[in-house]
PDB file of N, CA and C in Angstrom:
ATOM      1  N   MET A   1      17.004  -4.667   3.584  1.00  0.00           N
ATOM      2  CA  MET A   1      16.495  -3.780   2.579  1.00  0.00           C
ATOM      3  C   MET A   1      15.020  -3.542   2.867  1.00  0.00           C
ATOM      4  N   LEU A   2      14.605  -2.304   2.745  1.00  0.00           N
ATOM      5  CA  LEU A   2      13.216  -1.924   2.979  1.00  0.00           C
ATOM      6  C   LEU A   2      12.628  -1.425   1.667  1.00  0.00           C
ATOM      7  N   LEU A   3      11.462  -1.946   1.307  1.00  0.00           N
ATOM      8  CA  LEU A   3      10.766  -1.548   0.090  1.00  0.00           C
ATOM      9  C   LEU A   3       9.510  -0.775   0.455  1.00  0.00           C
ATOM     10  N   PHE A   4       9.099   0.113  -0.429  1.00  0.00           N
ATOM     11  CA  PHE A   4       7.832   0.824  -0.275  1.00  0.00           C
ATOM     12  C   PHE A   4       6.986   0.454  -1.480  1.00  0.00           C
ATOM     13  N   ALA A   5       5.736   0.077  -1.229  1.00  0.00           N
ATOM     14  CA  ALA A   5       4.874  -0.387  -2.304  1.00  0.00           C
ATOM     15  C   ALA A   5       3.450   0.096  -2.101  1.00  0.00           C
ATOM     16  N   ALA A   6       2.779   0.380  -3.216  1.00  0.00           N
ATOM     17  CA  ALA A   6       1.342   0.669  -3.198  1.00  0.00           C
ATOM     18  C   ALA A   6       0.644  -0.651  -3.482  1.00  0.00           C
ATOM     19  N   VAL A   7      -0.238  -1.065  -2.573  1.00  0.00           N
ATOM     20  CA  VAL A   7      -0.881  -2.371  -2.669  1.00  0.00           C
ATOM     21  C   VAL A   7      -2.393  -2.209  -2.536  1.00  0.00           C
ATOM     22  N   GLU A   8      -3.118  -2.789  -3.484  1.00  0.00           N
ATOM     23  CA  GLU A   8      -4.573  -2.836  -3.400  1.00  0.00           C
ATOM     24  C   GLU A   8      -4.949  -3.845  -2.317  1.00  0.00           C
ATOM     25  N   VAL A   9      -5.912  -3.519  -1.491  1.00  0.00           N
ATOM     26  CA  VAL A   9      -6.331  -4.391  -0.393  1.00  0.00           C
ATOM     27  C   VAL A   9      -7.099  -5.609  -0.911  1.00  0.00           C
ATOM     28  N   ALA A  10      -7.905  -5.421  -1.945  1.00  0.00           N
ATOM     29  CA  ALA A  10      -8.762  -6.499  -2.466  1.00  0.00           C
ATOM     30  C   ALA A  10      -7.963  -7.764  -2.739  1.00  0.00           C
ATOM     31  N   GLY A  11      -8.472  -8.871  -2.221  1.00  0.00           N
ATOM     32  CA  GLY A  11      -7.867 -10.167  -2.485  1.00  0.00           C
ATOM     33  C   GLY A  11      -6.735 -10.566  -1.562  1.00  0.00           C
ATOM     34  N   HIS A  12      -6.355  -9.701  -0.644  1.00  0.00           N
ATOM     35  CA  HIS A  12      -5.276 -10.015   0.290  1.00  0.00           C
ATOM     36  C   HIS A  12      -5.873 -10.314   1.657  1.00  0.00           C
ATOM     37  N   SER A  13      -5.924 -11.582   2.009  1.00  0.00           N
ATOM     38  CA  SER A  13      -6.567 -11.983   3.268  1.00  0.00           C
ATOM     39  C   SER A  13      -5.858 -11.407   4.494  1.00  0.00           C
ATOM     40  N   ALA A  14      -4.594 -11.059   4.376  1.00  0.00           N
ATOM     41  CA  ALA A  14      -3.874 -10.451   5.490  1.00  0.00           C
ATOM     42  C   ALA A  14      -4.268  -8.992   5.693  1.00  0.00           C
ATOM     43  N   LEU A  15      -5.005  -8.419   4.737  1.00  0.00           N
ATOM     44  CA  LEU A  15      -5.391  -7.011   4.796  1.00  0.00           C
ATOM     45  C   LEU A  15      -6.900  -6.814   4.803  1.00  0.00           C
ATOM     46  N   GLU A  16      -7.590  -7.394   3.854  1.00  0.00           N
ATOM     47  CA  GLU A  16      -9.019  -7.144   3.642  1.00  0.00           C
ATOM     48  C   GLU A  16      -9.848  -7.527   4.865  1.00  0.00           C
ATOM     49  N   GLY A  17     -10.649  -6.552   5.353  1.00  0.00           N
ATOM     50  CA  GLY A  17     -11.517  -6.786   6.500  1.00  0.00           C
ATOM     51  C   GLY A  17     -10.819  -6.693   7.847  1.00  0.00           C
ATOM     52  N   ARG A  18      -9.530  -6.420   7.836  1.00  0.00           N
ATOM     53  CA  ARG A  18      -8.767  -6.283   9.080  1.00  0.00           C
ATOM     54  C   ARG A  18      -8.568  -4.812   9.407  1.00  0.00           C
ATOM     55  N   THR A  19      -8.311  -4.544  10.673  1.00  0.00           N
ATOM     56  CA  THR A  19      -7.994  -3.169  11.057  1.00  0.00           C
ATOM     57  C   THR A  19      -6.547  -2.879  10.692  1.00  0.00           C
ATOM     58  N   ILE A  20      -6.200  -1.603  10.723  1.00  0.00           N
ATOM     59  CA  ILE A  20      -4.799  -1.223  10.489  1.00  0.00           C
ATOM     60  C   ILE A  20      -3.907  -1.958  11.478  1.00  0.00           C
ATOM     61  N   ALA A  21      -4.294  -1.976  12.748  1.00  0.00           N
ATOM     62  CA  ALA A  21      -3.482  -2.639  13.782  1.00  0.00           C
ATOM     63  C   ALA A  21      -3.333  -4.134  13.504  1.00  0.00           C
ATOM     64  N   GLU A  22      -4.394  -4.780  13.034  1.00  0.00           N
ATOM     65  CA  GLU A  22      -4.344  -6.225  12.753  1.00  0.00           C
ATOM     66  C   GLU A  22      -3.561  -6.543  11.488  1.00  0.00           C
ATOM     67  N   SER A  23      -3.445  -5.581  10.593  1.00  0.00           N
ATOM     68  CA  SER A  23      -2.808  -5.844   9.304  1.00  0.00           C
ATOM     69  C   SER A  23      -1.285  -5.725   9.343  1.00  0.00           C
ATOM     70  N   VAL A  24      -0.737  -5.233  10.428  1.00  0.00           N
ATOM     71  CA  VAL A  24       0.718  -5.112  10.552  1.00  0.00           C
ATOM     72  C   VAL A  24       1.316  -6.485  10.793  1.00  0.00           C
ATOM     73  N   ARG A  25       2.391  -6.793  10.085  1.00  0.00           N
ATOM     74  CA  ARG A  25       3.120  -8.042  10.291  1.00  0.00           C
ATOM     75  C   ARG A  25       4.549  -7.651  10.692  1.00  0.00           C
ATOM     76  N   PRO A  26       4.837  -7.618  12.016  1.00  0.00           N
ATOM     77  CA  PRO A  26       6.166  -7.191  12.476  1.00  0.00           C
ATOM     78  C   PRO A  26       7.288  -7.960  11.777  1.00  0.00           C
ATOM     79  N   GLY A  27       8.279  -7.225  11.325  1.00  0.00           N
ATOM     80  CA  GLY A  27       9.417  -7.824  10.643  1.00  0.00           C
ATOM     81  C   GLY A  27       9.157  -8.127   9.177  1.00  0.00           C
ATOM     82  N   ALA A  28       7.924  -7.922   8.705  1.00  0.00           N
ATOM     83  CA  ALA A  28       7.586  -8.212   7.313  1.00  0.00           C
ATOM     84  C   ALA A  28       7.033  -6.977   6.593  1.00  0.00           C
ATOM     85  N   TRP A  29       5.957  -6.388   7.134  1.00  0.00           N
ATOM     86  CA  TRP A  29       5.408  -5.172   6.542  1.00  0.00           C
ATOM     87  C   TRP A  29       4.636  -4.357   7.570  1.00  0.00           C
ATOM     88  N   ARG A  30       4.490  -3.084   7.232  1.00  0.00           N
ATOM     89  CA  ARG A  30       3.758  -2.131   8.067  1.00  0.00           C
ATOM     90  C   ARG A  30       3.031  -1.163   7.144  1.00  0.00           C
ATOM     91  N   VAL A  31       1.791  -0.868   7.482  1.00  0.00           N
ATOM     92  CA  VAL A  31       1.013   0.113   6.729  1.00  0.00           C
ATOM     93  C   VAL A  31       1.505   1.499   7.140  1.00  0.00           C
ATOM     94  N   ILE A  32       1.862   2.308   6.145  1.00  0.00           N
ATOM     95  CA  ILE A  32       2.321   3.658   6.483  1.00  0.00           C
ATOM     96  C   ILE A  32       1.384   4.745   5.978  1.00  0.00           C
ATOM     97  N   ALA A  33       0.536   4.426   4.987  1.00  0.00           N
ATOM     98  CA  ALA A  33      -0.413   5.428   4.493  1.00  0.00           C
ATOM     99  C   ALA A  33      -1.567   4.749   3.768  1.00  0.00           C
ATOM    100  N   LEU A  34      -2.671   5.463   3.684  1.00  0.00           N
ATOM    101  CA  LEU A  34      -3.853   5.027   2.952  1.00  0.00           C
ATOM    102  C   LEU A  34      -4.077   6.011   1.814  1.00  0.00           C
ATOM    103  N   ASP A  35      -4.203   5.493   0.597  1.00  0.00           N
ATOM    104  CA  ASP A  35      -4.472   6.333  -0.565  1.00  0.00           C
ATOM    105  C   ASP A  35      -5.977   6.508  -0.678  1.00  0.00           C
ATOM    106  N   THR A  36      -6.463   7.721  -0.471  1.00  0.00           N
ATOM    107  CA  THR A  36      -7.898   7.993  -0.521  1.00  0.00           C
ATOM    108  C   THR A  36      -8.349   8.483  -1.894  1.00  0.00           C
ATOM    109  N   THR A  37      -7.451   8.456  -2.878  1.00  0.00           N
ATOM    110  CA  THR A  37      -7.814   8.820  -4.239  1.00  0.00           C
ATOM    111  C   THR A  37      -8.860   7.838  -4.752  1.00  0.00           C
ATOM    112  N   SER A  38      -9.841   8.328  -5.489  1.00  0.00           N
ATOM    113  CA  SER A  38     -10.853   7.460  -6.078  1.00  0.00           C
ATOM    114  C   SER A  38     -10.173   6.382  -6.923  1.00  0.00           C
ATOM    115  N   PRO A  39     -10.622   5.124  -6.824  1.00  0.00           N
ATOM    116  CA  PRO A  39     -10.000   4.053  -7.622  1.00  0.00           C
ATOM    117  C   PRO A  39      -9.916   4.375  -9.117  1.00  0.00           C
ATOM    118  N   ASP A  40     -10.889   5.091  -9.670  1.00  0.00           N
ATOM    119  CA  ASP A  40     -10.859   5.447 -11.087  1.00  0.00           C
ATOM    120  C   ASP A  40      -9.779   6.471 -11.427  1.00  0.00           C
ATOM    121  N   ASP A  41      -9.321   7.234 -10.442  1.00  0.00           N
ATOM    122  CA  ASP A  41      -8.333   8.289 -10.673  1.00  0.00           C
ATOM    123  C   ASP A  41      -6.923   7.894 -10.255  1.00  0.00           C
ATOM    124  N   ARG A  42      -6.739   6.700  -9.749  1.00  0.00           N
ATOM    125  CA  ARG A  42      -5.425   6.279  -9.252  1.00  0.00           C
ATOM    126  C   ARG A  42      -4.463   5.975 -10.386  1.00  0.00           C
ATOM    127  N   ARG A  43      -3.216   6.348 -10.142  1.00  0.00           N
ATOM    128  CA  ARG A  43      -2.118   5.961 -11.032  1.00  0.00           C
ATOM    129  C   ARG A  43      -1.386   4.814 -10.338  1.00  0.00           C
ATOM    130  N   PRO A  44      -0.909   3.849 -11.084  1.00  0.00           N
ATOM    131  CA  PRO A  44      -0.290   2.670 -10.466  1.00  0.00           C
ATOM    132  C   PRO A  44       0.894   2.984  -9.545  1.00  0.00           C
ATOM    133  N   ASP A  45       1.638   4.036  -9.855  1.00  0.00           N
ATOM    134  CA  ASP A  45       2.860   4.316  -9.100  1.00  0.00           C
ATOM    135  C   ASP A  45       2.733   5.463  -8.114  1.00  0.00           C
ATOM    136  N   LEU A  46       1.524   5.945  -7.853  1.00  0.00           N
ATOM    137  CA  LEU A  46       1.269   7.057  -6.941  1.00  0.00           C
ATOM    138  C   LEU A  46       1.849   8.383  -7.421  1.00  0.00           C
ATOM    139  N   ALA A  47       2.299   8.437  -8.664  1.00  0.00           N
ATOM    140  CA  ALA A  47       2.873   9.668  -9.192  1.00  0.00           C
ATOM    141  C   ALA A  47       1.769  10.630  -9.608  1.00  0.00           C
ATOM    142  N   MET A  48       2.160  11.889  -9.728  1.00  0.00           N
ATOM    143  CA  MET A  48       1.223  12.889 -10.242  1.00  0.00           C
ATOM    144  C   MET A  48       1.047  12.652 -11.733  1.00  0.00           C
ATOM    145  N   ALA A  49      -0.033  13.166 -12.281  1.00  0.00           N
ATOM    146  CA  ALA A  49      -0.251  13.092 -13.721  1.00  0.00           C
ATOM    147  C   ALA A  49       0.866  13.865 -14.419  1.00  0.00           C
ATOM    148  N   PRO A  50       1.294  13.431 -15.599  1.00  0.00           N
ATOM    149  CA  PRO A  50       2.391  14.099 -16.304  1.00  0.00           C
ATOM    150  C   PRO A  50       2.139  15.595 -16.474  1.00  0.00           C
ATOM    151  N   GLY A  51       3.173  16.370 -16.183  1.00  0.00           N
ATOM    152  CA  GLY A  51       3.106  17.810 -16.367  1.00  0.00           C
ATOM    153  C   GLY A  51       2.216  18.530 -15.373  1.00  0.00           C
ATOM    154  N   GLY A  52       1.755  17.830 -14.362  1.00  0.00           N
ATOM    155  CA  GLY A  52       0.825  18.455 -13.438  1.00  0.00           C
ATOM    156  C   GLY A  52       1.432  18.748 -12.091  1.00  0.00           C
ATOM    157  N   ASP A  53       1.145  19.910 -11.582  1.00  0.00           N
ATOM    158  CA  ASP A  53       1.508  20.203 -10.210  1.00  0.00           C
ATOM    159  C   ASP A  53       0.252  20.634  -9.461  1.00  0.00           C
ATOM    160  N   ASP A  54      -0.886  20.397 -10.089  1.00  0.00           N
ATOM    161  CA  ASP A  54      -2.176  20.703  -9.500  1.00  0.00           C
ATOM    162  C   ASP A  54      -2.449  19.735  -8.354  1.00  0.00           C
ATOM    163  N   ALA A  55      -2.886  20.234  -7.219  1.00  0.00           N
ATOM    164  CA  ALA A  55      -3.151  19.381  -6.057  1.00  0.00           C
ATOM    165  C   ALA A  55      -4.188  18.310  -6.369  1.00  0.00           C
ATOM    166  N   ALA A  56      -5.097  18.584  -7.316  1.00  0.00           N
ATOM    167  CA  ALA A  56      -6.124  17.601  -7.669  1.00  0.00           C
ATOM    168  C   ALA A  56      -5.525  16.392  -8.373  1.00  0.00           C
ATOM    169  N   GLN A  57      -4.311  16.527  -8.922  1.00  0.00           N
ATOM    170  CA  GLN A  57      -3.671  15.433  -9.647  1.00  0.00           C
ATOM    171  C   GLN A  57      -2.755  14.605  -8.748  1.00  0.00           C
ATOM    172  N   GLN A  58      -2.562  15.027  -7.542  1.00  0.00           N
ATOM    173  CA  GLN A  58      -1.681  14.317  -6.626  1.00  0.00           C
ATOM    174  C   GLN A  58      -2.459  13.249  -5.863  1.00  0.00           C
ATOM    175  N   PRO A  59      -1.796  12.135  -5.530  1.00  0.00           N
ATOM    176  CA  PRO A  59      -2.479  11.147  -4.703  1.00  0.00           C
ATOM    177  C   PRO A  59      -2.843  11.754  -3.353  1.00  0.00           C
ATOM    178  N   ALA A  60      -3.970  11.360  -2.813  1.00  0.00           N
ATOM    179  CA  ALA A  60      -4.432  11.858  -1.516  1.00  0.00           C
ATOM    180  C   ALA A  60      -4.076  10.817  -0.468  1.00  0.00           C
ATOM    181  N   LEU A  61      -2.957  10.995   0.189  1.00  0.00           N
ATOM    182  CA  LEU A  61      -2.466  10.023   1.162  1.00  0.00           C
ATOM    183  C   LEU A  61      -2.759  10.471   2.581  1.00  0.00           C
ATOM    184  N   VAL A  62      -3.289   9.557   3.379  1.00  0.00           N
ATOM    185  CA  VAL A  62      -3.522   9.797   4.803  1.00  0.00           C
ATOM    186  C   VAL A  62      -2.415   9.059   5.546  1.00  0.00           C
ATOM    187  N   TRP A  63      -1.601   9.813   6.268  1.00  0.00           N
ATOM    188  CA  TRP A  63      -0.434   9.243   6.952  1.00  0.00           C
ATOM    189  C   TRP A  63      -0.734   8.868   8.397  1.00  0.00           C
ATOM    190  N   ASP A  64      -1.611   9.595   9.043  1.00  0.00           N
ATOM    191  CA  ASP A  64      -1.915   9.368  10.460  1.00  0.00           C
ATOM    192  C   ASP A  64      -3.174   8.516  10.559  1.00  0.00           C
ATOM    193  N   LEU A  65      -3.005   7.214  10.395  1.00  0.00           N
ATOM    194  CA  LEU A  65      -4.142   6.293  10.341  1.00  0.00           C
ATOM    195  C   LEU A  65      -4.566   5.837  11.726  1.00  0.00           C
ATOM    196  N   HIS A  66      -5.861   5.779  11.927  1.00  0.00           N
ATOM    197  CA  HIS A  66      -6.387   5.252  13.182  1.00  0.00           C
ATOM    198  C   HIS A  66      -6.186   3.741  13.172  1.00  0.00           C
ATOM    199  N   PRO A  67      -5.626   3.172  14.234  1.00  0.00           N
ATOM    200  CA  PRO A  67      -5.362   1.723  14.258  1.00  0.00           C
ATOM    201  C   PRO A  67      -6.624   0.871  14.146  1.00  0.00           C
ATOM    202  N   GLY A  68      -7.799   1.446  14.417  1.00  0.00           N
ATOM    203  CA  GLY A  68      -9.043   0.702  14.334  1.00  0.00           C
ATOM    204  C   GLY A  68      -9.747   0.797  12.986  1.00  0.00           C
ATOM    205  N   TYR A  69      -9.163   1.550  12.039  1.00  0.00           N
ATOM    206  CA  TYR A  69      -9.764   1.662  10.708  1.00  0.00           C
ATOM    207  C   TYR A  69      -9.786   0.281  10.050  1.00  0.00           C
ATOM    208  N   VAL A  70     -10.959  -0.149   9.569  1.00  0.00           N
ATOM    209  CA  VAL A  70     -11.101  -1.454   8.921  1.00  0.00           C
ATOM    210  C   VAL A  70     -10.865  -1.294   7.418  1.00  0.00           C
ATOM    211  N   LEU A  71      -9.947  -2.082   6.894  1.00  0.00           N
ATOM    212  CA  LEU A  71      -9.576  -2.002   5.483  1.00  0.00           C
ATOM    213  C   LEU A  71     -10.655  -2.600   4.591  1.00  0.00           C
ATOM    214  N   LYS A  72     -10.991  -1.846   3.548  1.00  0.00           N
ATOM    215  CA  LYS A  72     -12.020  -2.251   2.593  1.00  0.00           C
ATOM    216  C   LYS A  72     -11.348  -2.732   1.300  1.00  0.00           C
ATOM    217  N   PRO A  73     -12.025  -3.566   0.527  1.00  0.00           N
ATOM    218  CA  PRO A  73     -11.426  -4.064  -0.720  1.00  0.00           C
ATOM    219  C   PRO A  73     -10.989  -2.951  -1.671  1.00  0.00           C
ATOM    220  N   GLN A  74     -11.698  -1.833  -1.696  1.00  0.00           N
ATOM    221  CA  GLN A  74     -11.351  -0.750  -2.628  1.00  0.00           C
ATOM    222  C   GLN A  74     -10.197   0.121  -2.128  1.00  0.00           C
ATOM    223  N   ASP A  75      -9.719  -0.108  -0.917  1.00  0.00           N
ATOM    224  CA  ASP A  75      -8.606   0.681  -0.379  1.00  0.00           C
ATOM    225  C   ASP A  75      -7.295   0.306  -1.057  1.00  0.00           C
ATOM    226  N   ARG A  76      -6.397   1.282  -1.080  1.00  0.00           N
ATOM    227  CA  ARG A  76      -5.019   1.038  -1.524  1.00  0.00           C
ATOM    228  C   ARG A  76      -4.114   1.589  -0.442  1.00  0.00           C
ATOM    229  N   LEU A  77      -3.128   0.807  -0.084  1.00  0.00           N
ATOM    230  CA  LEU A  77      -2.211   1.158   0.995  1.00  0.00           C
ATOM    231  C   LEU A  77      -0.815   1.417   0.468  1.00  0.00           C
ATOM    232  N   VAL A  78      -0.075   2.216   1.206  1.00  0.00           N
ATOM    233  CA  VAL A  78       1.362   2.322   1.010  1.00  0.00           C
ATOM    234  C   VAL A  78       1.975   1.538   2.161  1.00  0.00           C
ATOM    235  N   LEU A  79       2.792   0.565   1.815  1.00  0.00           N
ATOM    236  CA  LEU A  79       3.429  -0.296   2.809  1.00  0.00           C
ATOM    237  C   LEU A  79       4.928  -0.098   2.803  1.00  0.00           C
ATOM    238  N   ALA A  80       5.531  -0.254   3.955  1.00  0.00           N
ATOM    239  CA  ALA A  80       6.974  -0.429   4.076  1.00  0.00           C
ATOM    240  C   ALA A  80       7.139  -1.908   4.374  1.00  0.00           C
ATOM    241  N   ALA A  81       7.965  -2.582   3.586  1.00  0.00           N
ATOM    242  CA  ALA A  81       8.069  -4.031   3.717  1.00  0.00           C
ATOM    243  C   ALA A  81       9.479  -4.516   3.423  1.00  0.00           C
ATOM    244  N   THR A  82       9.785  -5.669   3.973  1.00  0.00           N
ATOM    245  CA  THR A  82      10.999  -6.350   3.566  1.00  0.00           C
ATOM    246  C   THR A  82      10.694  -7.060   2.248  1.00  0.00           C
ATOM    247  N   ARG A  83      11.718  -7.467   1.528  1.00  0.00           N
ATOM    248  CA  ARG A  83      11.476  -8.206   0.284  1.00  0.00           C
ATOM    249  C   ARG A  83      10.696  -9.478   0.574  1.00  0.00           C
ATOM    250  N   ARG A  84      11.091 -10.187   1.597  1.00  0.00           N
ATOM    251  CA  ARG A  84      10.410 -11.427   1.956  1.00  0.00           C
ATOM    252  C   ARG A  84       8.959 -11.158   2.367  1.00  0.00           C
ATOM    253  N   GLY A  85       8.749 -10.100   3.151  1.00  0.00           N
ATOM    254  CA  GLY A  85       7.405  -9.759   3.590  1.00  0.00           C
ATOM    255  C   GLY A  85       6.497  -9.397   2.430  1.00  0.00           C
ATOM    256  N   LEU A  86       7.015  -8.606   1.480  1.00  0.00           N
ATOM    257  CA  LEU A  86       6.212  -8.224   0.326  1.00  0.00           C
ATOM    258  C   LEU A  86       5.905  -9.451  -0.531  1.00  0.00           C
ATOM    259  N   ALA A  87       6.879 -10.319  -0.695  1.00  0.00           N
ATOM    260  CA  ALA A  87       6.651 -11.549  -1.455  1.00  0.00           C
ATOM    261  C   ALA A  87       5.577 -12.401  -0.786  1.00  0.00           C
ATOM    262  N   GLU A  88       5.628 -12.496   0.532  1.00  0.00           N
ATOM    263  CA  GLU A  88       4.612 -13.256   1.276  1.00  0.00           C
ATOM    264  C   GLU A  88       3.228 -12.650   1.074  1.00  0.00           C
ATOM    265  N   LEU A  89       3.129 -11.348   1.207  1.00  0.00           N
ATOM    266  CA  LEU A  89       1.843 -10.676   1.063  1.00  0.00           C
ATOM    267  C   LEU A  89       1.284 -10.846  -0.342  1.00  0.00           C
ATOM    268  N   LEU A  90       2.135 -10.723  -1.336  1.00  0.00           N
ATOM    269  CA  LEU A  90       1.692 -10.809  -2.726  1.00  0.00           C
ATOM    270  C   LEU A  90       1.586 -12.244  -3.222  1.00  0.00           C
ATOM    271  N   GLY A  91       1.971 -13.215  -2.377  1.00  0.00           N
ATOM    272  CA  GLY A  91       1.866 -14.612  -2.762  1.00  0.00           C
ATOM    273  C   GLY A  91       2.897 -15.043  -3.767  1.00  0.00           C
ATOM    274  N   ARG A  92       4.077 -14.458  -3.691  1.00  0.00           N
ATOM    275  CA  ARG A  92       5.160 -14.781  -4.630  1.00  0.00           C
ATOM    276  C   ARG A  92       6.300 -15.400  -3.867  1.00  0.00           C
ATOM    277  N   GLY A  93       7.051 -16.231  -4.537  1.00  0.00           N
ATOM    278  CA  GLY A  93       8.201 -16.868  -3.910  1.00  0.00           C
ATOM    279  C   GLY A  93       9.354 -15.920  -3.678  1.00  0.00           C
ATOM    280  N   ARG A  94       9.558 -14.997  -4.605  1.00  0.00           N
ATOM    281  CA  ARG A  94      10.698 -14.091  -4.512  1.00  0.00           C
ATOM    282  C   ARG A  94      10.346 -12.779  -5.194  1.00  0.00           C
ATOM    283  N   VAL A  95      10.724 -11.682  -4.609  1.00  0.00           N
ATOM    284  CA  VAL A  95      10.523 -10.379  -5.229  1.00  0.00           C
ATOM    285  C   VAL A  95      11.865  -9.936  -5.786  1.00  0.00           C
ATOM    286  N   ARG A  96      11.891  -9.629  -7.069  1.00  0.00           N
ATOM    287  CA  ARG A  96      13.135  -9.177  -7.704  1.00  0.00           C
ATOM    288  C   ARG A  96      13.246  -7.666  -7.549  1.00  0.00           C
ATOM    289  N   THR A  97      14.418  -7.221  -7.219  1.00  0.00           N
ATOM    290  CA  THR A  97      14.703  -5.788  -7.184  1.00  0.00           C
ATOM    291  C   THR A  97      15.923  -5.553  -8.044  1.00  0.00           C
ATOM    292  N   SER A  98      16.190  -4.332  -8.408  1.00  0.00           N
ATOM    293  CA  SER A  98      17.362  -4.059  -9.224  1.00  0.00           C
ATOM    294  C   SER A  98      18.606  -4.496  -8.456  1.00  0.00           C
ATOM    295  N   GLY A  99      19.471  -5.174  -9.163  1.00  0.00           N
ATOM    296  CA  GLY A  99      20.701  -5.654  -8.552  1.00  0.00           C
ATOM    297  C   GLY A  99      20.583  -7.012  -7.912  1.00  0.00           C
ATOM    298  N   SER A 100      19.415  -7.674  -8.003  1.00  0.00           N
ATOM    299  CA  SER A 100      19.323  -9.015  -7.411  1.00  0.00           C
ATOM    300  C   SER A 100      19.058 -10.054  -8.452  1.00  0.00           C
TER     301      SER A 100
END
């Protein structure tokens, strides 16, 4: 099973201060996008604001990331991860998904 999650970089030693290339954990998670939306304007689920189709209300995702980009604490990433990988990254024993 593959999960997609928006994760704040701050506080994650596997991410913070590392490059995109260094932050990949094969078989566990991979960075697929960087959310460049201002932290004050971010929605937790990357959704647009209710009733909005205005481009200013959409998350600003960068998909073609340079492998040498160094992750900052204020960055938010979109990850593709296994359940185990996401649990490891978030410091949890088990990640619950619907049906488990």
